[in-house]
Amino acid sequence: MSDRLFKRGAIWYCWVYGANRERIQRSTGCRDRKAAEAKARELERRAADPAYAAANETTVSQAFEQLLRDRKAKGRADGTLSCYQTKAGHFLRVWGAELPLARMRRVLRPSRQGGDEGSHGNA
């Protein structure tokens, strides 16, 4: 990957190959080489895998909006839709509407560090 990095001024840039094998040049936005290498790997993954890119570009807010549209189209009761909207609104206020959908699992997944597979942080 490091052979695909180059510097313009203080900022590192990279080139990656997209899903159609086209060469894409991007700024990493990083001044540190190690950070630029990590960002370049992320950019390469997004360019090569449209599903991964979509999951990382879709926000939790957009996912909730789609869920509500889908449930309304399936004829869910108004009370049910109202409940979904209330619960989604609370989640968005706490975690933020711009949280990428792909990060939601990492945010909600309990830590499994320490080797105690049954513990969820309760003493």
PDB file of N, CA and C in Angstrom:
ATOM      1  N   MET A   1       0.822  -1.196   0.000  1.00  0.00           N
ATOM      2  CA  MET A   1       0.000   0.000   0.000  1.00  0.00           C
ATOM      3  C   MET A   1       0.861   1.253   0.000  1.00  0.00           C
ATOM      4  N   SER A   2       2.007   1.186   0.695  1.00  0.00           N
ATOM      5  CA  SER A   2       2.830   2.389   0.834  1.00  0.00           C
ATOM      6  C   SER A   2       3.363   2.892  -0.505  1.00  0.00           C
ATOM      7  N   ASP A   3       3.463   1.998  -1.498  1.00  0.00           N
ATOM      8  CA  ASP A   3       3.923   2.445  -2.805  1.00  0.00           C
ATOM      9  C   ASP A   3       2.847   3.237  -3.546  1.00  0.00           C
ATOM     10  N   ARG A   4       1.642   3.250  -3.019  1.00  0.00           N
ATOM     11  CA  ARG A   4       0.550   4.000  -3.629  1.00  0.00           C
ATOM     12  C   ARG A   4       0.331   5.354  -2.954  1.00  0.00           C
ATOM     13  N   LEU A   5       1.175   5.697  -2.018  1.00  0.00           N
ATOM     14  CA  LEU A   5       1.084   6.977  -1.321  1.00  0.00           C
ATOM     15  C   LEU A   5       2.072   7.968  -1.911  1.00  0.00           C
ATOM     16  N   PHE A   6       1.645   9.215  -1.973  1.00  0.00           N
ATOM     17  CA  PHE A   6       2.553  10.284  -2.375  1.00  0.00           C
ATOM     18  C   PHE A   6       2.101  11.560  -1.690  1.00  0.00           C
ATOM     19  N   LYS A   7       3.008  12.485  -1.587  1.00  0.00           N
ATOM     20  CA  LYS A   7       2.759  13.694  -0.811  1.00  0.00           C
ATOM     21  C   LYS A   7       2.657  14.902  -1.722  1.00  0.00           C
ATOM     22  N   ARG A   8       1.686  15.757  -1.419  1.00  0.00           N
ATOM     23  CA  ARG A   8       1.564  17.066  -2.063  1.00  0.00           C
ATOM     24  C   ARG A   8       1.554  18.093  -0.938  1.00  0.00           C
ATOM     25  N   GLY A   9       2.608  18.847  -0.839  1.00  0.00           N
ATOM     26  CA  GLY A   9       2.720  19.773   0.286  1.00  0.00           C
ATOM     27  C   GLY A   9       2.810  18.959   1.565  1.00  0.00           C
ATOM     28  N   ALA A  10       1.947  19.272   2.515  1.00  0.00           N
ATOM     29  CA  ALA A  10       1.968  18.569   3.795  1.00  0.00           C
ATOM     30  C   ALA A  10       1.007  17.382   3.826  1.00  0.00           C
ATOM     31  N   ILE A  11       0.162  17.215   2.805  1.00  0.00           N
ATOM     32  CA  ILE A  11      -0.896  16.206   2.796  1.00  0.00           C
ATOM     33  C   ILE A  11      -0.508  14.991   1.965  1.00  0.00           C
ATOM     34  N   TRP A  12      -0.792  13.807   2.495  1.00  0.00           N
ATOM     35  CA  TRP A  12      -0.558  12.561   1.782  1.00  0.00           C
ATOM     36  C   TRP A  12      -1.758  12.244   0.889  1.00  0.00           C
ATOM     37  N   TYR A  13      -1.482  11.786  -0.303  1.00  0.00           N
ATOM     38  CA  TYR A  13      -2.491  11.337  -1.264  1.00  0.00           C
ATOM     39  C   TYR A  13      -2.231   9.866  -1.577  1.00  0.00           C
ATOM     40  N   CYS A  14      -3.219   9.223  -2.165  1.00  0.00           N
ATOM     41  CA  CYS A  14      -3.042   7.837  -2.578  1.00  0.00           C
ATOM     42  C   CYS A  14      -3.794   7.590  -3.871  1.00  0.00           C
ATOM     43  N   TRP A  15      -3.499   6.474  -4.492  1.00  0.00           N
ATOM     44  CA  TRP A  15      -4.321   6.023  -5.598  1.00  0.00           C
ATOM     45  C   TRP A  15      -4.731   4.597  -5.296  1.00  0.00           C
ATOM     46  N   VAL A  16      -5.979   4.289  -5.626  1.00  0.00           N
ATOM     47  CA  VAL A  16      -6.558   2.970  -5.382  1.00  0.00           C
ATOM     48  C   VAL A  16      -7.287   2.530  -6.643  1.00  0.00           C
ATOM     49  N   TYR A  17      -7.612   1.257  -6.704  1.00  0.00           N
ATOM     50  CA  TYR A  17      -8.381   0.734  -7.825  1.00  0.00           C
ATOM     51  C   TYR A  17      -9.818   0.539  -7.385  1.00  0.00           C
ATOM     52  N   GLY A  18     -10.753   0.984  -8.216  1.00  0.00           N
ATOM     53  CA  GLY A  18     -12.176   0.855  -7.935  1.00  0.00           C
ATOM     54  C   GLY A  18     -12.719  -0.494  -8.361  1.00  0.00           C
ATOM     55  N   ALA A  19     -14.022  -0.667  -8.199  1.00  0.00           N
ATOM     56  CA  ALA A  19     -14.691  -1.923  -8.522  1.00  0.00           C
ATOM     57  C   ALA A  19     -14.546  -2.275 -10.003  1.00  0.00           C
ATOM     58  N   ASN A  20     -14.448  -1.269 -10.862  1.00  0.00           N
ATOM     59  CA  ASN A  20     -14.309  -1.502 -12.302  1.00  0.00           C
ATOM     60  C   ASN A  20     -12.853  -1.475 -12.757  1.00  0.00           C
ATOM     61  N   ARG A  21     -11.941  -1.617 -11.794  1.00  0.00           N
ATOM     62  CA  ARG A  21     -10.505  -1.622 -12.065  1.00  0.00           C
ATOM     63  C   ARG A  21      -9.961  -0.287 -12.558  1.00  0.00           C
ATOM     64  N   GLU A  22     -10.719   0.791 -12.374  1.00  0.00           N
ATOM     65  CA  GLU A  22     -10.209   2.112 -12.743  1.00  0.00           C
ATOM     66  C   GLU A  22      -9.336   2.643 -11.615  1.00  0.00           C
ATOM     67  N   ARG A  23      -8.312   3.366 -11.967  1.00  0.00           N
ATOM     68  CA  ARG A  23      -7.398   3.944 -10.994  1.00  0.00           C
ATOM     69  C   ARG A  23      -7.981   5.267 -10.508  1.00  0.00           C
ATOM     70  N   ILE A  24      -8.098   5.400  -9.187  1.00  0.00           N
ATOM     71  CA  ILE A  24      -8.704   6.582  -8.569  1.00  0.00           C
ATOM     72  C   ILE A  24      -7.674   7.226  -7.654  1.00  0.00           C
ATOM     73  N   GLN A  25      -7.498   8.535  -7.792  1.00  0.00           N
ATOM     74  CA  GLN A  25      -6.574   9.282  -6.940  1.00  0.00           C
ATOM     75  C   GLN A  25      -7.378  10.045  -5.900  1.00  0.00           C
ATOM     76  N   ARG A  26      -6.986   9.934  -4.627  1.00  0.00           N
ATOM     77  CA  ARG A  26      -7.720  10.583  -3.537  1.00  0.00           C
ATOM     78  C   ARG A  26      -6.755  11.206  -2.534  1.00  0.00           C
ATOM     79  N   SER A  27      -7.246  12.242  -1.875  1.00  0.00           N
ATOM     80  CA  SER A  27      -6.512  12.812  -0.743  1.00  0.00           C
ATOM     81  C   SER A  27      -6.879  12.011   0.495  1.00  0.00           C
ATOM     82  N   THR A  28      -5.886  11.693   1.305  1.00  0.00           N
ATOM     83  CA  THR A  28      -6.175  11.029   2.573  1.00  0.00           C
ATOM     84  C   THR A  28      -6.557  12.062   3.629  1.00  0.00           C
ATOM     85  N   GLY A  29      -6.185  13.312   3.396  1.00  0.00           N
ATOM     86  CA  GLY A  29      -6.434  14.357   4.372  1.00  0.00           C
ATOM     87  C   GLY A  29      -5.503  14.268   5.575  1.00  0.00           C
ATOM     88  N   CYS A  30      -4.483  13.415   5.483  1.00  0.00           N
ATOM     89  CA  CYS A  30      -3.584  13.166   6.605  1.00  0.00           C
ATOM     90  C   CYS A  30      -2.212  13.795   6.373  1.00  0.00           C
ATOM     91  N   ARG A  31      -1.609  14.213   7.470  1.00  0.00           N
ATOM     92  CA  ARG A  31      -0.242  14.745   7.427  1.00  0.00           C
ATOM     93  C   ARG A  31       0.763  13.696   7.910  1.00  0.00           C
ATOM     94  N   ASP A  32       0.277  12.701   8.618  1.00  0.00           N
ATOM     95  CA  ASP A  32       1.111  11.630   9.160  1.00  0.00           C
ATOM     96  C   ASP A  32       1.056  10.423   8.222  1.00  0.00           C
ATOM     97  N   ARG A  33       2.210   9.845   7.915  1.00  0.00           N
ATOM     98  CA  ARG A  33       2.261   8.742   6.950  1.00  0.00           C
ATOM     99  C   ARG A  33       1.486   7.514   7.431  1.00  0.00           C
ATOM    100  N   LYS A  34       1.624   7.149   8.690  1.00  0.00           N
ATOM    101  CA  LYS A  34       0.912   5.964   9.209  1.00  0.00           C
ATOM    102  C   LYS A  34      -0.597   6.167   9.135  1.00  0.00           C
ATOM    103  N   ALA A  35      -1.063   7.361   9.490  1.00  0.00           N
ATOM    104  CA  ALA A  35      -2.494   7.657   9.390  1.00  0.00           C
ATOM    105  C   ALA A  35      -2.938   7.626   7.932  1.00  0.00           C
ATOM    106  N   ALA A  36      -2.095   8.131   7.044  1.00  0.00           N
ATOM    107  CA  ALA A  36      -2.408   8.130   5.612  1.00  0.00           C
ATOM    108  C   ALA A  36      -2.500   6.709   5.079  1.00  0.00           C
ATOM    109  N   GLU A  37      -1.636   5.814   5.547  1.00  0.00           N
ATOM    110  CA  GLU A  37      -1.695   4.418   5.121  1.00  0.00           C
ATOM    111  C   GLU A  37      -3.011   3.773   5.543  1.00  0.00           C
ATOM    112  N   ALA A  38      -3.447   4.045   6.773  1.00  0.00           N
ATOM    113  CA  ALA A  38      -4.717   3.494   7.259  1.00  0.00           C
ATOM    114  C   ALA A  38      -5.891   4.052   6.456  1.00  0.00           C
ATOM    115  N   LYS A  39      -5.866   5.350   6.198  1.00  0.00           N
ATOM    116  CA  LYS A  39      -6.934   5.980   5.413  1.00  0.00           C
ATOM    117  C   LYS A  39      -6.940   5.436   3.987  1.00  0.00           C
ATOM    118  N   ALA A  40      -5.767   5.207   3.410  1.00  0.00           N
ATOM    119  CA  ALA A  40      -5.674   4.666   2.052  1.00  0.00           C
ATOM    120  C   ALA A  40      -6.279   3.262   1.991  1.00  0.00           C
ATOM    121  N   ARG A  41      -6.048   2.443   3.018  1.00  0.00           N
ATOM    122  CA  ARG A  41      -6.655   1.102   3.050  1.00  0.00           C
ATOM    123  C   ARG A  41      -8.169   1.201   3.095  1.00  0.00           C
ATOM    124  N   GLU A  42      -8.671   2.142   3.891  1.00  0.00           N
ATOM    125  CA  GLU A  42     -10.128   2.355   3.973  1.00  0.00           C
ATOM    126  C   GLU A  42     -10.678   2.815   2.627  1.00  0.00           C
ATOM    127  N   LEU A  43      -9.997   3.751   1.985  1.00  0.00           N
ATOM    128  CA  LEU A  43     -10.440   4.247   0.679  1.00  0.00           C
ATOM    129  C   LEU A  43     -10.425   3.134  -0.370  1.00  0.00           C
ATOM    130  N   GLU A  44      -9.411   2.273  -0.301  1.00  0.00           N
ATOM    131  CA  GLU A  44      -9.327   1.168  -1.253  1.00  0.00           C
ATOM    132  C   GLU A  44     -10.481   0.194  -1.056  1.00  0.00           C
ATOM    133  N   ARG A  45     -10.800  -0.095   0.194  1.00  0.00           N
ATOM    134  CA  ARG A  45     -11.913  -1.010   0.468  1.00  0.00           C
ATOM    135  C   ARG A  45     -13.230  -0.433  -0.023  1.00  0.00           C
ATOM    136  N   ARG A  46     -13.442   0.857   0.232  1.00  0.00           N
ATOM    137  CA  ARG A  46     -14.675   1.493  -0.244  1.00  0.00           C
ATOM    138  C   ARG A  46     -14.767   1.497  -1.766  1.00  0.00           C
ATOM    139  N   ALA A  47     -13.642   1.735  -2.427  1.00  0.00           N
ATOM    140  CA  ALA A  47     -13.636   1.784  -3.885  1.00  0.00           C
ATOM    141  C   ALA A  47     -13.878   0.409  -4.498  1.00  0.00           C
ATOM    142  N   ALA A  48     -13.378  -0.633  -3.850  1.00  0.00           N
ATOM    143  CA  ALA A  48     -13.471  -1.980  -4.410  1.00  0.00           C
ATOM    144  C   ALA A  48     -14.768  -2.698  -4.074  1.00  0.00           C
ATOM    145  N   ASP A  49     -15.438  -2.294  -2.989  1.00  0.00           N
ATOM    146  CA  ASP A  49     -16.631  -3.003  -2.525  1.00  0.00           C
ATOM    147  C   ASP A  49     -17.802  -2.043  -2.383  1.00  0.00           C
ATOM    148  N   PRO A  50     -18.690  -1.977  -3.380  1.00  0.00           N
ATOM    149  CA  PRO A  50     -19.824  -1.048  -3.325  1.00  0.00           C
ATOM    150  C   PRO A  50     -20.724  -1.266  -2.106  1.00  0.00           C
ATOM    151  N   ALA A  51     -20.892  -2.507  -1.659  1.00  0.00           N
ATOM    152  CA  ALA A  51     -21.741  -2.769  -0.489  1.00  0.00           C
ATOM    153  C   ALA A  51     -21.121  -2.169   0.768  1.00  0.00           C
ATOM    154  N   TYR A  52     -19.813  -2.312   0.905  1.00  0.00           N
ATOM    155  CA  TYR A  52     -19.108  -1.739   2.043  1.00  0.00           C
ATOM    156  C   TYR A  52     -19.212  -0.211   2.014  1.00  0.00           C
ATOM    157  N   ALA A  53     -19.025   0.354   0.830  1.00  0.00           N
ATOM    158  CA  ALA A  53     -19.118   1.810   0.686  1.00  0.00           C
ATOM    159  C   ALA A  53     -20.509   2.302   1.059  1.00  0.00           C
ATOM    160  N   ALA A  54     -21.528   1.605   0.586  1.00  0.00           N
ATOM    161  CA  ALA A  54     -22.909   2.021   0.881  1.00  0.00           C
ATOM    162  C   ALA A  54     -23.193   1.966   2.375  1.00  0.00           C
ATOM    163  N   ALA A  55     -22.729   0.914   3.033  1.00  0.00           N
ATOM    164  CA  ALA A  55     -22.957   0.780   4.475  1.00  0.00           C
ATOM    165  C   ALA A  55     -22.246   1.873   5.254  1.00  0.00           C
ATOM    166  N   ASN A  56     -21.102   2.311   4.757  1.00  0.00           N
ATOM    167  CA  ASN A  56     -20.347   3.352   5.454  1.00  0.00           C
ATOM    168  C   ASN A  56     -20.806   4.754   5.100  1.00  0.00           C
ATOM    169  N   GLU A  57     -21.573   4.900   4.044  1.00  0.00           N
ATOM    170  CA  GLU A  57     -22.089   6.210   3.660  1.00  0.00           C
ATOM    171  C   GLU A  57     -23.522   6.421   4.140  1.00  0.00           C
ATOM    172  N   THR A  58     -24.238   5.341   4.407  1.00  0.00           N
ATOM    173  CA  THR A  58     -25.615   5.432   4.883  1.00  0.00           C
ATOM    174  C   THR A  58     -25.601   5.721   6.375  1.00  0.00           C
ATOM    175  N   THR A  59     -26.373   6.721   6.773  1.00  0.00           N
ATOM    176  CA  THR A  59     -26.444   7.048   8.196  1.00  0.00           C
ATOM    177  C   THR A  59     -27.579   6.284   8.866  1.00  0.00           C
ATOM    178  N   VAL A  60     -27.517   6.196  10.179  1.00  0.00           N
ATOM    179  CA  VAL A  60     -28.568   5.536  10.941  1.00  0.00           C
ATOM    180  C   VAL A  60     -29.896   6.261  10.718  1.00  0.00           C
ATOM    181  N   SER A  61     -29.848   7.571  10.604  1.00  0.00           N
ATOM    182  CA  SER A  61     -31.061   8.343  10.348  1.00  0.00           C
ATOM    183  C   SER A  61     -31.708   7.921   9.028  1.00  0.00           C
ATOM    184  N   GLN A  62     -30.909   7.763   7.990  1.00  0.00           N
ATOM    185  CA  GLN A  62     -31.440   7.328   6.693  1.00  0.00           C
ATOM    186  C   GLN A  62     -32.020   5.915   6.794  1.00  0.00           C
ATOM    187  N   ALA A  63     -31.371   5.045   7.554  1.00  0.00           N
ATOM    188  CA  ALA A  63     -31.866   3.682   7.723  1.00  0.00           C
ATOM    189  C   ALA A  63     -33.215   3.682   8.450  1.00  0.00           C
ATOM    190  N   PHE A  64     -33.348   4.513   9.494  1.00  0.00           N
ATOM    191  CA  PHE A  64     -34.627   4.602  10.201  1.00  0.00           C
ATOM    192  C   PHE A  64     -35.724   5.152   9.290  1.00  0.00           C
ATOM    193  N   GLU A  65     -35.380   6.154   8.479  1.00  0.00           N
ATOM    194  CA  GLU A  65     -36.368   6.708   7.542  1.00  0.00           C
ATOM    195  C   GLU A  65     -36.845   5.634   6.570  1.00  0.00           C
ATOM    196  N   GLN A  66     -35.918   4.828   6.066  1.00  0.00           N
ATOM    197  CA  GLN A  66     -36.280   3.741   5.151  1.00  0.00           C
ATOM    198  C   GLN A  66     -37.148   2.704   5.855  1.00  0.00           C
ATOM    199  N   LEU A  67     -36.802   2.387   7.102  1.00  0.00           N
ATOM    200  CA  LEU A  67     -37.587   1.437   7.879  1.00  0.00           C
ATOM    201  C   LEU A  67     -39.026   1.924   8.036  1.00  0.00           C
ATOM    202  N   LEU A  68     -39.178   3.197   8.400  1.00  0.00           N
ATOM    203  CA  LEU A  68     -40.531   3.746   8.582  1.00  0.00           C
ATOM    204  C   LEU A  68     -41.325   3.741   7.276  1.00  0.00           C
ATOM    205  N   ARG A  69     -40.668   4.104   6.156  1.00  0.00           N
ATOM    206  CA  ARG A  69     -41.359   4.062   4.849  1.00  0.00           C
ATOM    207  C   ARG A  69     -41.788   2.638   4.507  1.00  0.00           C
ATOM    208  N   ASP A  70     -40.900   1.683   4.762  1.00  0.00           N
ATOM    209  CA  ASP A  70     -41.188   0.289   4.464  1.00  0.00           C
ATOM    210  C   ASP A  70     -42.357  -0.223   5.301  1.00  0.00           C
ATOM    211  N   ARG A  71     -42.347   0.072   6.595  1.00  0.00           N
ATOM    212  CA  ARG A  71     -43.426  -0.407   7.473  1.00  0.00           C
ATOM    213  C   ARG A  71     -44.764   0.254   7.137  1.00  0.00           C
ATOM    214  N   LYS A  72     -44.711   1.516   6.748  1.00  0.00           N
ATOM    215  CA  LYS A  72     -45.944   2.208   6.345  1.00  0.00           C
ATOM    216  C   LYS A  72     -46.504   1.576   5.069  1.00  0.00           C
ATOM    217  N   ALA A  73     -45.616   1.273   4.119  1.00  0.00           N
ATOM    218  CA  ALA A  73     -46.039   0.643   2.862  1.00  0.00           C
ATOM    219  C   ALA A  73     -46.614  -0.748   3.122  1.00  0.00           C
ATOM    220  N   LYS A  74     -46.165  -1.417   4.167  1.00  0.00           N
ATOM    221  CA  LYS A  74     -46.677  -2.750   4.501  1.00  0.00           C
ATOM    222  C   LYS A  74     -47.966  -2.680   5.311  1.00  0.00           C
ATOM    223  N   GLY A  75     -48.443  -1.455   5.563  1.00  0.00           N
ATOM    224  CA  GLY A  75     -49.738  -1.289   6.215  1.00  0.00           C
ATOM    225  C   GLY A  75     -49.737  -1.403   7.720  1.00  0.00           C
ATOM    226  N   ARG A  76     -48.616  -1.108   8.361  1.00  0.00           N
ATOM    227  CA  ARG A  76     -48.572  -1.152   9.823  1.00  0.00           C
ATOM    228  C   ARG A  76     -49.524  -0.096  10.400  1.00  0.00           C
ATOM    229  N   ALA A  77     -50.041  -0.369  11.557  1.00  0.00           N
ATOM    230  CA  ALA A  77     -50.979   0.533  12.227  1.00  0.00           C
ATOM    231  C   ALA A  77     -50.283   1.852  12.567  1.00  0.00           C
ATOM    232  N   ASP A  78     -51.070   2.932  12.601  1.00  0.00           N
ATOM    233  CA  ASP A  78     -50.515   4.247  12.917  1.00  0.00           C
ATOM    234  C   ASP A  78     -49.830   4.259  14.283  1.00  0.00           C
ATOM    235  N   GLY A  79     -50.402   3.558  15.269  1.00  0.00           N
ATOM    236  CA  GLY A  79     -49.802   3.488  16.596  1.00  0.00           C
ATOM    237  C   GLY A  79     -48.442   2.807  16.572  1.00  0.00           C
ATOM    238  N   THR A  80     -48.332   1.772  15.764  1.00  0.00           N
ATOM    239  CA  THR A  80     -47.057   1.063  15.623  1.00  0.00           C
ATOM    240  C   THR A  80     -46.026   1.967  14.983  1.00  0.00           C
ATOM    241  N   LEU A  81     -46.413   2.664  13.930  1.00  0.00           N
ATOM    242  CA  LEU A  81     -45.504   3.595  13.255  1.00  0.00           C
ATOM    243  C   LEU A  81     -45.062   4.708  14.190  1.00  0.00           C
ATOM    244  N   SER A  82     -46.003   5.204  14.994  1.00  0.00           N
ATOM    245  CA  SER A  82     -45.686   6.254  15.960  1.00  0.00           C
ATOM    246  C   SER A  82     -44.674   5.746  16.990  1.00  0.00           C
ATOM    247  N   CYS A  83     -44.852   4.510  17.434  1.00  0.00           N
ATOM    248  CA  CYS A  83     -43.915   3.907  18.390  1.00  0.00           C
ATOM    249  C   CYS A  83     -42.527   3.813  17.766  1.00  0.00           C
ATOM    250  N   TYR A  84     -42.445   3.306  16.527  1.00  0.00           N
ATOM    251  CA  TYR A  84     -41.160   3.205  15.837  1.00  0.00           C
ATOM    252  C   TYR A  84     -40.495   4.575  15.736  1.00  0.00           C
ATOM    253  N   GLN A  85     -41.292   5.576  15.382  1.00  0.00           N
ATOM    254  CA  GLN A  85     -40.746   6.920  15.194  1.00  0.00           C
ATOM    255  C   GLN A  85     -40.226   7.485  16.516  1.00  0.00           C
ATOM    256  N   THR A  86     -40.964   7.262  17.588  1.00  0.00           N
ATOM    257  CA  THR A  86     -40.535   7.736  18.904  1.00  0.00           C
ATOM    258  C   THR A  86     -39.235   7.075  19.336  1.00  0.00           C
ATOM    259  N   LYS A  87     -39.168   5.749  19.190  1.00  0.00           N
ATOM    260  CA  LYS A  87     -37.967   5.013  19.592  1.00  0.00           C
ATOM    261  C   LYS A  87     -36.769   5.413  18.720  1.00  0.00           C
ATOM    262  N   ALA A  88     -36.997   5.560  17.434  1.00  0.00           N
ATOM    263  CA  ALA A  88     -35.917   5.973  16.529  1.00  0.00           C
ATOM    264  C   ALA A  88     -35.432   7.372  16.894  1.00  0.00           C
ATOM    265  N   GLY A  89     -36.363   8.269  17.194  1.00  0.00           N
ATOM    266  CA  GLY A  89     -35.993   9.630  17.564  1.00  0.00           C
ATOM    267  C   GLY A  89     -35.122   9.666  18.808  1.00  0.00           C
ATOM    268  N   HIS A  90     -35.463   8.836  19.786  1.00  0.00           N
ATOM    269  CA  HIS A  90     -34.654   8.784  21.004  1.00  0.00           C
ATOM    270  C   HIS A  90     -33.249   8.255  20.691  1.00  0.00           C
ATOM    271  N   PHE A  91     -33.177   7.179  19.912  1.00  0.00           N
ATOM    272  CA  PHE A  91     -31.886   6.617  19.540  1.00  0.00           C
ATOM    273  C   PHE A  91     -31.034   7.669  18.835  1.00  0.00           C
ATOM    274  N   LEU A  92     -31.626   8.405  17.902  1.00  0.00           N
ATOM    275  CA  LEU A  92     -30.892   9.416  17.136  1.00  0.00           C
ATOM    276  C   LEU A  92     -30.415  10.559  18.024  1.00  0.00           C
ATOM    277  N   ARG A  93     -31.214  10.940  19.007  1.00  0.00           N
ATOM    278  CA  ARG A  93     -30.794  12.003  19.925  1.00  0.00           C
ATOM    279  C   ARG A  93     -29.592  11.562  20.760  1.00  0.00           C
ATOM    280  N   VAL A  94     -29.598  10.313  21.198  1.00  0.00           N
ATOM    281  CA  VAL A  94     -28.527   9.806  22.052  1.00  0.00           C
ATOM    282  C   VAL A  94     -27.253   9.537  21.251  1.00  0.00           C
ATOM    283  N   TRP A  95     -27.361   8.838  20.121  1.00  0.00           N
ATOM    284  CA  TRP A  95     -26.198   8.388  19.367  1.00  0.00           C
ATOM    285  C   TRP A  95     -25.827   9.293  18.209  1.00  0.00           C
ATOM    286  N   GLY A  96     -26.735  10.133  17.769  1.00  0.00           N
ATOM    287  CA  GLY A  96     -26.451  11.038  16.659  1.00  0.00           C
ATOM    288  C   GLY A  96     -26.999  10.522  15.351  1.00  0.00           C
ATOM    289  N   ALA A  97     -27.622  11.414  14.617  1.00  0.00           N
ATOM    290  CA  ALA A  97     -28.263  11.044  13.356  1.00  0.00           C
ATOM    291  C   ALA A  97     -27.252  10.711  12.269  1.00  0.00           C
ATOM    292  N   GLU A  98     -26.034  11.199  12.397  1.00  0.00           N
ATOM    293  CA  GLU A  98     -25.032  11.003  11.344  1.00  0.00           C
ATOM    294  C   GLU A  98     -24.136   9.792  11.576  1.00  0.00           C
ATOM    295  N   LEU A  99     -24.449   8.980  12.586  1.00  0.00           N
ATOM    296  CA  LEU A  99     -23.676   7.767  12.838  1.00  0.00           C
ATOM    297  C   LEU A  99     -23.777   6.860  11.614  1.00  0.00           C
ATOM    298  N   PRO A 100     -22.647   6.472  11.019  1.00  0.00           N
ATOM    299  CA  PRO A 100     -22.705   5.567   9.870  1.00  0.00           C
ATOM    300  C   PRO A 100     -23.315   4.221  10.278  1.00  0.00           C
ATOM    301  N   LEU A 101     -24.154   3.693   9.436  1.00  0.00           N
ATOM    302  CA  LEU A 101     -24.834   2.435   9.719  1.00  0.00           C
ATOM    303  C   LEU A 101     -23.834   1.318  10.027  1.00  0.00           C
ATOM    304  N   ALA A 102     -22.727   1.287   9.325  1.00  0.00           N
ATOM    305  CA  ALA A 102     -21.723   0.247   9.536  1.00  0.00           C
ATOM    306  C   ALA A 102     -21.112   0.312  10.934  1.00  0.00           C
ATOM    307  N   ARG A 103     -21.088   1.473  11.548  1.00  0.00           N
ATOM    308  CA  ARG A 103     -20.512   1.617  12.890  1.00  0.00           C
ATOM    309  C   ARG A 103     -21.512   1.270  13.982  1.00  0.00           C
ATOM    310  N   MET A 104     -22.787   1.204  13.647  1.00  0.00           N
ATOM    311  CA  MET A 104     -23.806   0.983  14.661  1.00  0.00           C
ATOM    312  C   MET A 104     -23.580  -0.336  15.404  1.00  0.00           C
ATOM    313  N   ARG A 105     -23.214  -1.396  14.721  1.00  0.00           N
ATOM    314  CA  ARG A 105     -22.975  -2.675  15.380  1.00  0.00           C
ATOM    315  C   ARG A 105     -21.823  -2.586  16.362  1.00  0.00           C
ATOM    316  N   ARG A 106     -20.774  -1.835  15.998  1.00  0.00           N
ATOM    317  CA  ARG A 106     -19.632  -1.695  16.905  1.00  0.00           C
ATOM    318  C   ARG A 106     -20.014  -0.880  18.129  1.00  0.00           C
ATOM    319  N   VAL A 107     -20.887   0.107  17.952  1.00  0.00           N
ATOM    320  CA  VAL A 107     -21.310   0.954  19.068  1.00  0.00           C
ATOM    321  C   VAL A 107     -22.177   0.155  20.032  1.00  0.00           C
ATOM    322  N   LEU A 108     -23.056  -0.671  19.508  1.00  0.00           N
ATOM    323  CA  LEU A 108     -24.005  -1.381  20.350  1.00  0.00           C
ATOM    324  C   LEU A 108     -23.492  -2.709  20.890  1.00  0.00           C
ATOM    325  N   ARG A 109     -22.468  -3.286  20.264  1.00  0.00           N
ATOM    326  CA  ARG A 109     -21.953  -4.591  20.678  1.00  0.00           C
ATOM    327  C   ARG A 109     -21.214  -4.457  22.000  1.00  0.00           C
ATOM    328  N   PRO A 110     -21.574  -5.287  22.986  1.00  0.00           N
ATOM    329  CA  PRO A 110     -20.846  -5.222  24.260  1.00  0.00           C
ATOM    330  C   PRO A 110     -19.410  -5.685  24.084  1.00  0.00           C
ATOM    331  N   SER A 111     -18.533  -5.108  24.873  1.00  0.00           N
ATOM    332  CA  SER A 111     -17.118  -5.472  24.824  1.00  0.00           C
ATOM    333  C   SER A 111     -16.935  -6.888  25.332  1.00  0.00           C
ATOM    334  N   ARG A 112     -16.100  -7.643  24.645  1.00  0.00           N
ATOM    335  CA  ARG A 112     -15.799  -9.008  25.074  1.00  0.00           C
ATOM    336  C   ARG A 112     -14.370  -9.107  25.585  1.00  0.00           C
ATOM    337  N   GLN A 113     -13.788  -8.003  25.986  1.00  0.00           N
ATOM    338  CA  GLN A 113     -12.422  -8.014  26.495  1.00  0.00           C
ATOM    339  C   GLN A 113     -12.405  -8.594  27.898  1.00  0.00           C
ATOM    340  N   GLY A 114     -11.299  -9.173  28.268  1.00  0.00           N
ATOM    341  CA  GLY A 114     -11.165  -9.714  29.616  1.00  0.00           C
ATOM    342  C   GLY A 114     -11.497 -11.187  29.693  1.00  0.00           C
ATOM    343  N   GLY A 115     -12.007 -11.787  28.625  1.00  0.00           N
ATOM    344  CA  GLY A 115     -12.226 -13.218  28.579  1.00  0.00           C
ATOM    345  C   GLY A 115     -13.524 -13.688  29.195  1.00  0.00           C
ATOM    346  N   ASP A 116     -14.305 -12.839  29.839  1.00  0.00           N
ATOM    347  CA  ASP A 116     -15.559 -13.256  30.435  1.00  0.00           C
ATOM    348  C   ASP A 116     -16.663 -13.125  29.400  1.00  0.00           C
ATOM    349  N   GLU A 117     -16.927 -14.207  28.690  1.00  0.00           N
ATOM    350  CA  GLU A 117     -17.871 -14.171  27.562  1.00  0.00           C
ATOM    351  C   GLU A 117     -19.302 -13.908  28.027  1.00  0.00           C
ATOM    352  N   GLY A 118     -19.639 -14.202  29.271  1.00  0.00           N
ATOM    353  CA  GLY A 118     -21.003 -14.030  29.723  1.00  0.00           C
ATOM    354  C   GLY A 118     -21.289 -12.674  30.317  1.00  0.00           C
ATOM    355  N   SER A 119     -20.284 -11.875  30.529  1.00  0.00           N
ATOM    356  CA  SER A 119     -20.455 -10.595  31.209  1.00  0.00           C
ATOM    357  C   SER A 119     -20.811  -9.485  30.242  1.00  0.00           C
ATOM    358  N   HIS A 120     -21.740  -8.654  30.635  1.00  0.00           N
ATOM    359  CA  HIS A 120     -22.092  -7.465  29.865  1.00  0.00           C
ATOM    360  C   HIS A 120     -21.815  -6.215  30.675  1.00  0.00           C
ATOM    361  N   GLY A 121     -20.874  -6.308  31.585  1.00  0.00           N
ATOM    362  CA  GLY A 121     -20.500  -5.151  32.379  1.00  0.00           C
ATOM    363  C   GLY A 121     -21.239  -5.072  33.702  1.00  0.00           C
ATOM    364  N   ASN A 122     -22.121  -6.027  33.986  1.00  0.00           N
ATOM    365  CA  ASN A 122     -22.864  -6.009  35.245  1.00  0.00           C
ATOM    366  C   ASN A 122     -22.069  -6.752  36.300  1.00  0.00           C
ATOM    367  N   ALA A 123     -21.983  -6.173  37.491  1.00  0.00           N
ATOM    368  CA  ALA A 123     -21.207  -6.809  38.568  1.00  0.00           C
ATOM    369  C   ALA A 123     -22.084  -7.714  39.398  1.00  0.00           C
TER     370      ALA A 123
END
